[in-house]
């Protein structure tokens, strides 16, 4: 397994963890558990940012191009209607 594969796999795994935290946090009623999950999510987000920067620096990850003003306005319009 090469470095690029490991970095991209790690980034994918962390993104999956963040999704799961986003699902779990609003579903728990226990304030202590909720706070612990939020702390774990925050640590995970910091790790994700670190790995993301490594991937960008090494050219392993190229983000999508930025949305145009028209695209942003369109999405904003669609979401405000719902």
PDB file of N, CA and C in Angstrom:
ATOM      1  N   UNK A   1       0.853  -1.168   0.000  1.00  0.00           N
ATOM      2  CA  UNK A   1       0.000   0.000   0.000  1.00  0.00           C
ATOM      3  C   UNK A   1       0.901   1.234   0.000  1.00  0.00           C
ATOM      4  N   UNK A   2       0.608   2.185  -0.874  1.00  0.00           N
ATOM      5  CA  UNK A   2       1.461   3.366  -0.950  1.00  0.00           C
ATOM      6  C   UNK A   2       0.943   4.478  -0.038  1.00  0.00           C
ATOM      7  N   UNK A   3       1.765   5.509   0.110  1.00  0.00           N
ATOM      8  CA  UNK A   3       1.437   6.607   1.013  1.00  0.00           C
ATOM      9  C   UNK A   3       0.139   7.306   0.621  1.00  0.00           C
ATOM     10  N   UNK A   4      -0.047   7.543  -0.664  1.00  0.00           N
ATOM     11  CA  UNK A   4      -1.254   8.233  -1.118  1.00  0.00           C
ATOM     12  C   UNK A   4      -2.499   7.463  -0.703  1.00  0.00           C
ATOM     13  N   UNK A   5      -2.502   6.167  -0.907  1.00  0.00           N
ATOM     14  CA  UNK A   5      -3.649   5.333  -0.546  1.00  0.00           C
ATOM     15  C   UNK A   5      -3.918   5.402   0.946  1.00  0.00           C
ATOM     16  N   UNK A   6      -2.847   5.356   1.751  1.00  0.00           N
ATOM     17  CA  UNK A   6      -3.016   5.415   3.201  1.00  0.00           C
ATOM     18  C   UNK A   6      -3.595   6.756   3.649  1.00  0.00           C
ATOM     19  N   UNK A   7      -3.106   7.846   3.069  1.00  0.00           N
ATOM     20  CA  UNK A   7      -3.593   9.170   3.446  1.00  0.00           C
ATOM     21  C   UNK A   7      -5.054   9.333   3.046  1.00  0.00           C
ATOM     22  N   UNK A   8      -5.387   8.948   1.838  1.00  0.00           N
ATOM     23  CA  UNK A   8      -6.768   9.076   1.360  1.00  0.00           C
ATOM     24  C   UNK A   8      -7.700   8.162   2.163  1.00  0.00           C
ATOM     25  N   UNK A   9      -7.275   6.939   2.459  1.00  0.00           N
ATOM     26  CA  UNK A   9      -8.093   6.034   3.266  1.00  0.00           C
ATOM     27  C   UNK A   9      -8.317   6.595   4.668  1.00  0.00           C
ATOM     28  N   UNK A  10      -7.277   7.183   5.242  1.00  0.00           N
ATOM     29  CA  UNK A  10      -7.396   7.784   6.572  1.00  0.00           C
ATOM     30  C   UNK A  10      -8.391   8.933   6.547  1.00  0.00           C
ATOM     31  N   UNK A  11      -8.276   9.775   5.541  1.00  0.00           N
ATOM     32  CA  UNK A  11      -9.196  10.908   5.407  1.00  0.00           C
ATOM     33  C   UNK A  11     -10.638  10.424   5.244  1.00  0.00           C
ATOM     34  N   UNK A  12     -10.839   9.401   4.461  1.00  0.00           N
ATOM     35  CA  UNK A  12     -12.172   8.832   4.258  1.00  0.00           C
ATOM     36  C   UNK A  12     -12.733   8.266   5.561  1.00  0.00           C
ATOM     37  N   UNK A  13     -11.882   7.574   6.308  1.00  0.00           N
ATOM     38  CA  UNK A  13     -12.310   7.008   7.586  1.00  0.00           C
ATOM     39  C   UNK A  13     -12.700   8.078   8.591  1.00  0.00           C
ATOM     40  N   UNK A  14     -11.903   9.120   8.677  1.00  0.00           N
ATOM     41  CA  UNK A  14     -12.199  10.218   9.599  1.00  0.00           C
ATOM     42  C   UNK A  14     -13.505  10.897   9.197  1.00  0.00           C
ATOM     43  N   UNK A  15     -13.716  11.100   7.916  1.00  0.00           N
ATOM     44  CA  UNK A  15     -14.960  11.717   7.463  1.00  0.00           C
ATOM     45  C   UNK A  15     -16.165  10.859   7.851  1.00  0.00           C
ATOM     46  N   UNK A  16     -16.008   9.549   7.797  1.00  0.00           N
ATOM     47  CA  UNK A  16     -17.079   8.651   8.230  1.00  0.00           C
ATOM     48  C   UNK A  16     -17.350   8.777   9.718  1.00  0.00           C
ATOM     49  N   UNK A  17     -16.281   8.902  10.513  1.00  0.00           N
ATOM     50  CA  UNK A  17     -16.454   9.089  11.952  1.00  0.00           C
ATOM     51  C   UNK A  17     -17.205  10.382  12.238  1.00  0.00           C
ATOM     52  N   UNK A  18     -16.855  11.441  11.530  1.00  0.00           N
ATOM     53  CA  UNK A  18     -17.537  12.720  11.734  1.00  0.00           C
ATOM     54  C   UNK A  18     -19.024  12.608  11.427  1.00  0.00           C
ATOM     55  N   UNK A  19     -19.357  11.852  10.407  1.00  0.00           N
ATOM     56  CA  UNK A  19     -20.759  11.634  10.064  1.00  0.00           C
ATOM     57  C   UNK A  19     -21.471  10.918  11.207  1.00  0.00           C
ATOM     58  N   UNK A  20     -20.832   9.899  11.762  1.00  0.00           N
ATOM     59  CA  UNK A  20     -21.448   9.151  12.858  1.00  0.00           C
ATOM     60  C   UNK A  20     -21.629  10.023  14.103  1.00  0.00           C
ATOM     61  N   UNK A  21     -20.643  10.852  14.421  1.00  0.00           N
ATOM     62  CA  UNK A  21     -20.800  11.763  15.563  1.00  0.00           C
ATOM     63  C   UNK A  21     -21.984  12.694  15.323  1.00  0.00           C
ATOM     64  N   UNK A  22     -22.115  13.178  14.104  1.00  0.00           N
ATOM     65  CA  UNK A  22     -23.224  14.057  13.769  1.00  0.00           C
ATOM     66  C   UNK A  22     -24.573  13.384  13.929  1.00  0.00           C
ATOM     67  N   UNK A  23     -24.604  12.080  13.780  1.00  0.00           N
ATOM     68  CA  UNK A  23     -25.839  11.323  13.966  1.00  0.00           C
ATOM     69  C   UNK A  23     -26.099  11.030  15.442  1.00  0.00           C
ATOM     70  N   UNK A  24     -25.031  10.747  16.196  1.00  0.00           N
ATOM     71  CA  UNK A  24     -25.186  10.343  17.596  1.00  0.00           C
ATOM     72  C   UNK A  24     -25.479  11.509  18.531  1.00  0.00           C
ATOM     73  N   UNK A  25     -24.806  12.619  18.340  1.00  0.00           N
ATOM     74  CA  UNK A  25     -24.908  13.732  19.292  1.00  0.00           C
ATOM     75  C   UNK A  25     -26.349  14.190  19.510  1.00  0.00           C
ATOM     76  N   UNK A  26     -27.116  14.448  18.459  1.00  0.00           N
ATOM     77  CA  UNK A  26     -28.480  14.928  18.716  1.00  0.00           C
ATOM     78  C   UNK A  26     -29.425  13.849  19.263  1.00  0.00           C
ATOM     79  N   UNK A  27     -29.007  12.583  19.237  1.00  0.00           N
ATOM     80  CA  UNK A  27     -29.894  11.511  19.672  1.00  0.00           C
ATOM     81  C   UNK A  27     -29.720  11.123  21.131  1.00  0.00           C
ATOM     82  N   UNK A  28     -28.696  11.646  21.786  1.00  0.00           N
ATOM     83  CA  UNK A  28     -28.489  11.272  23.182  1.00  0.00           C
ATOM     84  C   UNK A  28     -29.108  12.305  24.115  1.00  0.00           C
ATOM     85  N   UNK A  29     -29.683  11.810  25.188  1.00  0.00           N
ATOM     86  CA  UNK A  29     -30.287  12.697  26.173  1.00  0.00           C
ATOM     87  C   UNK A  29     -29.354  12.963  27.348  1.00  0.00           C
ATOM     88  N   UNK A  30     -28.368  12.115  27.531  1.00  0.00           N
ATOM     89  CA  UNK A  30     -27.443  12.248  28.648  1.00  0.00           C
ATOM     90  C   UNK A  30     -26.477  13.399  28.376  1.00  0.00           C
ATOM     91  N   UNK A  31     -26.525  14.466  29.179  1.00  0.00           N
ATOM     92  CA  UNK A  31     -25.677  15.632  28.927  1.00  0.00           C
ATOM     93  C   UNK A  31     -24.178  15.327  28.959  1.00  0.00           C
ATOM     94  N   UNK A  32     -23.775  14.439  29.862  1.00  0.00           N
ATOM     95  CA  UNK A  32     -22.348  14.093  29.953  1.00  0.00           C
ATOM     96  C   UNK A  32     -21.901  13.339  28.704  1.00  0.00           C
ATOM     97  N   UNK A  33     -22.712  12.406  28.258  1.00  0.00           N
ATOM     98  CA  UNK A  33     -22.386  11.661  27.046  1.00  0.00           C
ATOM     99  C   UNK A  33     -22.364  12.595  25.843  1.00  0.00           C
ATOM    100  N   UNK A  34     -23.340  13.486  25.780  1.00  0.00           N
ATOM    101  CA  UNK A  34     -23.405  14.444  24.677  1.00  0.00           C
ATOM    102  C   UNK A  34     -22.130  15.293  24.638  1.00  0.00           C
ATOM    103  N   UNK A  35     -21.684  15.773  25.811  1.00  0.00           N
ATOM    104  CA  UNK A  35     -20.476  16.591  25.882  1.00  0.00           C
ATOM    105  C   UNK A  35     -19.247  15.782  25.479  1.00  0.00           C
ATOM    106  N   UNK A  36     -19.172  14.539  25.933  1.00  0.00           N
ATOM    107  CA  UNK A  36     -18.045  13.674  25.571  1.00  0.00           C
ATOM    108  C   UNK A  36     -18.005  13.440  24.067  1.00  0.00           C
ATOM    109  N   UNK A  37     -19.163  13.171  23.471  1.00  0.00           N
ATOM    110  CA  UNK A  37     -19.226  12.964  22.025  1.00  0.00           C
ATOM    111  C   UNK A  37     -18.817  14.231  21.266  1.00  0.00           C
ATOM    112  N   UNK A  38     -19.213  15.394  21.767  1.00  0.00           N
ATOM    113  CA  UNK A  38     -18.821  16.651  21.131  1.00  0.00           C
ATOM    114  C   UNK A  38     -17.306  16.852  21.207  1.00  0.00           C
ATOM    115  N   UNK A  39     -16.712  16.521  22.344  1.00  0.00           N
ATOM    116  CA  UNK A  39     -15.256  16.625  22.484  1.00  0.00           C
ATOM    117  C   UNK A  39     -14.550  15.669  21.523  1.00  0.00           C
ATOM    118  N   UNK A  40     -15.065  14.458  21.422  1.00  0.00           N
ATOM    119  CA  UNK A  40     -14.482  13.477  20.503  1.00  0.00           C
ATOM    120  C   UNK A  40     -14.624  13.949  19.058  1.00  0.00           C
ATOM    121  N   UNK A  41     -15.782  14.521  18.730  1.00  0.00           N
ATOM    122  CA  UNK A  41     -15.988  15.058  17.382  1.00  0.00           C
ATOM    123  C   UNK A  41     -15.012  16.192  17.087  1.00  0.00           C
ATOM    124  N   UNK A  42     -14.800  17.069  18.065  1.00  0.00           N
ATOM    125  CA  UNK A  42     -13.871  18.181  17.873  1.00  0.00           C
ATOM    126  C   UNK A  42     -12.445  17.683  17.635  1.00  0.00           C
ATOM    127  N   UNK A  43     -12.031  16.665  18.390  1.00  0.00           N
ATOM    128  CA  UNK A  43     -10.708  16.077  18.180  1.00  0.00           C
ATOM    129  C   UNK A  43     -10.617  15.443  16.798  1.00  0.00           C
ATOM    130  N   UNK A  44     -11.688  14.789  16.406  1.00  0.00           N
ATOM    131  CA  UNK A  44     -11.738  14.157  15.088  1.00  0.00           C
ATOM    132  C   UNK A  44     -11.646  15.214  13.989  1.00  0.00           C
ATOM    133  N   UNK A  45     -12.331  16.345  14.171  1.00  0.00           N
ATOM    134  CA  UNK A  45     -12.270  17.426  13.189  1.00  0.00           C
ATOM    135  C   UNK A  45     -10.854  17.984  13.067  1.00  0.00           C
ATOM    136  N   UNK A  46     -10.148  18.088  14.192  1.00  0.00           N
ATOM    137  CA  UNK A  46      -8.762  18.571  14.141  1.00  0.00           C
ATOM    138  C   UNK A  46      -7.878  17.584  13.385  1.00  0.00           C
ATOM    139  N   UNK A  47      -8.093  16.291  13.618  1.00  0.00           N
ATOM    140  CA  UNK A  47      -7.334  15.270  12.888  1.00  0.00           C
ATOM    141  C   UNK A  47      -7.651  15.321  11.402  1.00  0.00           C
ATOM    142  N   UNK A  48      -8.930  15.507  11.080  1.00  0.00           N
ATOM    143  CA  UNK A  48      -9.344  15.577   9.685  1.00  0.00           C
ATOM    144  C   UNK A  48      -8.661  16.745   8.988  1.00  0.00           C
ATOM    145  N   UNK A  49      -8.603  17.884   9.652  1.00  0.00           N
ATOM    146  CA  UNK A  49      -7.970  19.060   9.063  1.00  0.00           C
ATOM    147  C   UNK A  49      -6.481  18.815   8.841  1.00  0.00           C
ATOM    148  N   UNK A  50      -5.836  18.163   9.796  1.00  0.00           N
ATOM    149  CA  UNK A  50      -4.413  17.847   9.667  1.00  0.00           C
ATOM    150  C   UNK A  50      -4.143  16.933   8.472  1.00  0.00           C
ATOM    151  N   UNK A  51      -4.911  15.859   8.382  1.00  0.00           N
ATOM    152  CA  UNK A  51      -4.741  14.910   7.273  1.00  0.00           C
ATOM    153  C   UNK A  51      -5.098  15.578   5.948  1.00  0.00           C
ATOM    154  N   UNK A  52      -6.138  16.391   5.948  1.00  0.00           N
ATOM    155  CA  UNK A  52      -6.537  17.116   4.743  1.00  0.00           C
ATOM    156  C   UNK A  52      -5.399  18.007   4.244  1.00  0.00           C
ATOM    157  N   UNK A  53      -4.751  18.723   5.152  1.00  0.00           N
ATOM    158  CA  UNK A  53      -3.645  19.595   4.761  1.00  0.00           C
ATOM    159  C   UNK A  53      -2.474  18.787   4.195  1.00  0.00           C
ATOM    160  N   UNK A  54      -2.201  17.650   4.788  1.00  0.00           N
ATOM    161  CA  UNK A  54      -1.145  16.771   4.270  1.00  0.00           C
ATOM    162  C   UNK A  54      -1.500  16.316   2.858  1.00  0.00           C
ATOM    163  N   UNK A  55      -2.739  15.873   2.688  1.00  0.00           N
ATOM    164  CA  UNK A  55      -3.181  15.396   1.373  1.00  0.00           C
ATOM    165  C   UNK A  55      -3.107  16.505   0.328  1.00  0.00           C
ATOM    166  N   UNK A  56      -3.518  17.718   0.687  1.00  0.00           N
ATOM    167  CA  UNK A  56      -3.448  18.849  -0.256  1.00  0.00           C
ATOM    168  C   UNK A  56      -2.002  19.175  -0.604  1.00  0.00           C
ATOM    169  N   UNK A  57      -1.142  19.235   0.403  1.00  0.00           N
ATOM    170  CA  UNK A  57       0.262  19.582   0.199  1.00  0.00           C
ATOM    171  C   UNK A  57       0.952  18.587  -0.732  1.00  0.00           C
ATOM    172  N   UNK A  58       0.639  17.316  -0.562  1.00  0.00           N
ATOM    173  CA  UNK A  58       1.285  16.273  -1.357  1.00  0.00           C
ATOM    174  C   UNK A  58       0.585  16.034  -2.696  1.00  0.00           C
ATOM    175  N   UNK A  59      -0.515  16.743  -2.924  1.00  0.00           N
ATOM    176  CA  UNK A  59      -1.238  16.585  -4.183  1.00  0.00           C
ATOM    177  C   UNK A  59      -2.091  15.329  -4.241  1.00  0.00           C
ATOM    178  N   UNK A  60      -2.375  14.734  -3.068  1.00  0.00           N
ATOM    179  CA  UNK A  60      -3.190  13.525  -3.024  1.00  0.00           C
ATOM    180  C   UNK A  60      -4.676  13.842  -3.081  1.00  0.00           C
ATOM    181  N   UNK A  61      -5.008  15.061  -2.758  1.00  0.00           N
ATOM    182  CA  UNK A  61      -6.404  15.464  -2.742  1.00  0.00           C
ATOM    183  C   UNK A  61      -6.517  16.832  -3.397  1.00  0.00           C
ATOM    184  N   UNK A  62      -7.399  16.919  -4.357  1.00  0.00           N
ATOM    185  CA  UNK A  62      -7.638  18.191  -5.028  1.00  0.00           C
ATOM    186  C   UNK A  62      -9.102  18.530  -4.802  1.00  0.00           C
ATOM    187  N   UNK A  63      -9.373  19.612  -4.072  1.00  0.00           N
ATOM    188  CA  UNK A  63     -10.766  19.951  -3.791  1.00  0.00           C
ATOM    189  C   UNK A  63     -11.508  20.375  -5.058  1.00  0.00           C
ATOM    190  N   UNK A  64     -12.798  20.271  -4.989  1.00  0.00           N
ATOM    191  CA  UNK A  64     -13.630  20.724  -6.108  1.00  0.00           C
ATOM    192  C   UNK A  64     -13.445  22.224  -6.283  1.00  0.00           C
ATOM    193  N   UNK A  65     -13.695  22.695  -7.473  1.00  0.00           N
ATOM    194  CA  UNK A  65     -13.581  24.133  -7.714  1.00  0.00           C
ATOM    195  C   UNK A  65     -14.646  24.864  -6.913  1.00  0.00           C
ATOM    196  N   UNK A  66     -14.369  26.115  -6.605  1.00  0.00           N
ATOM    197  CA  UNK A  66     -15.307  26.907  -5.813  1.00  0.00           C
ATOM    198  C   UNK A  66     -16.572  27.180  -6.617  1.00  0.00           C
ATOM    199  N   UNK A  67     -17.672  27.211  -5.894  1.00  0.00           N
ATOM    200  CA  UNK A  67     -18.960  27.484  -6.529  1.00  0.00           C
ATOM    201  C   UNK A  67     -19.005  28.935  -7.001  1.00  0.00           C
ATOM    202  N   UNK A  68     -19.686  29.131  -8.116  1.00  0.00           N
ATOM    203  CA  UNK A  68     -19.867  30.489  -8.618  1.00  0.00           C
ATOM    204  C   UNK A  68     -20.917  31.191  -7.757  1.00  0.00           C
ATOM    205  N   UNK A  69     -20.988  32.483  -7.876  1.00  0.00           N
ATOM    206  CA  UNK A  69     -21.984  33.271  -7.148  1.00  0.00           C
ATOM    207  C   UNK A  69     -23.389  32.813  -7.523  1.00  0.00           C
ATOM    208  N   UNK A  70     -23.585  32.524  -8.804  1.00  0.00           N
ATOM    209  CA  UNK A  70     -24.895  32.074  -9.266  1.00  0.00           C
ATOM    210  C   UNK A  70     -25.273  30.731  -8.635  1.00  0.00           C
ATOM    211  N   UNK A  71     -24.305  29.820  -8.542  1.00  0.00           N
ATOM    212  CA  UNK A  71     -24.578  28.521  -7.936  1.00  0.00           C
ATOM    213  C   UNK A  71     -24.935  28.670  -6.460  1.00  0.00           C
ATOM    214  N   UNK A  72     -24.218  29.512  -5.760  1.00  0.00           N
ATOM    215  CA  UNK A  72     -24.505  29.754  -4.343  1.00  0.00           C
ATOM    216  C   UNK A  72     -25.898  30.356  -4.187  1.00  0.00           C
ATOM    217  N   UNK A  73     -26.208  31.335  -5.002  1.00  0.00           N
ATOM    218  CA  UNK A  73     -27.534  31.969  -4.932  1.00  0.00           C
ATOM    219  C   UNK A  73     -28.654  30.979  -5.236  1.00  0.00           C
ATOM    220  N   UNK A  74     -28.409  30.107  -6.223  1.00  0.00           N
ATOM    221  CA  UNK A  74     -29.414  29.096  -6.572  1.00  0.00           C
ATOM    222  C   UNK A  74     -29.674  28.148  -5.399  1.00  0.00           C
ATOM    223  N   UNK A  75     -28.603  27.649  -4.792  1.00  0.00           N
ATOM    224  CA  UNK A  75     -28.761  26.724  -3.657  1.00  0.00           C
ATOM    225  C   UNK A  75     -29.451  27.433  -2.500  1.00  0.00           C
ATOM    226  N   UNK A  76     -29.065  28.659  -2.234  1.00  0.00           N
ATOM    227  CA  UNK A  76     -29.692  29.445  -1.170  1.00  0.00           C
ATOM    228  C   UNK A  76     -31.189  29.599  -1.447  1.00  0.00           C
ATOM    229  N   UNK A  77     -31.535  29.864  -2.682  1.00  0.00           N
ATOM    230  CA  UNK A  77     -32.938  30.022  -3.057  1.00  0.00           C
ATOM    231  C   UNK A  77     -33.717  28.725  -2.868  1.00  0.00           C
ATOM    232  N   UNK A  78     -33.148  27.624  -3.307  1.00  0.00           N
ATOM    233  CA  UNK A  78     -33.814  26.326  -3.179  1.00  0.00           C
ATOM    234  C   UNK A  78     -34.020  25.972  -1.710  1.00  0.00           C
ATOM    235  N   UNK A  79     -32.992  26.200  -0.890  1.00  0.00           N
ATOM    236  CA  UNK A  79     -33.096  25.840   0.523  1.00  0.00           C
ATOM    237  C   UNK A  79     -34.055  26.754   1.285  1.00  0.00           C
ATOM    238  N   UNK A  80     -34.149  27.986   0.893  1.00  0.00           N
ATOM    239  CA  UNK A  80     -35.050  28.903   1.605  1.00  0.00           C
ATOM    240  C   UNK A  80     -36.515  28.639   1.268  1.00  0.00           C
ATOM    241  N   UNK A  81     -36.772  27.966   0.164  1.00  0.00           N
ATOM    242  CA  UNK A  81     -38.155  27.639  -0.219  1.00  0.00           C
ATOM    243  C   UNK A  81     -38.692  26.459   0.577  1.00  0.00           C
ATOM    244  N   UNK A  82     -37.791  25.574   0.984  1.00  0.00           N
ATOM    245  CA  UNK A  82     -38.213  24.352   1.682  1.00  0.00           C
ATOM    246  C   UNK A  82     -38.427  24.592   3.105  1.00  0.00           C
TER     247      UNK A  82
END
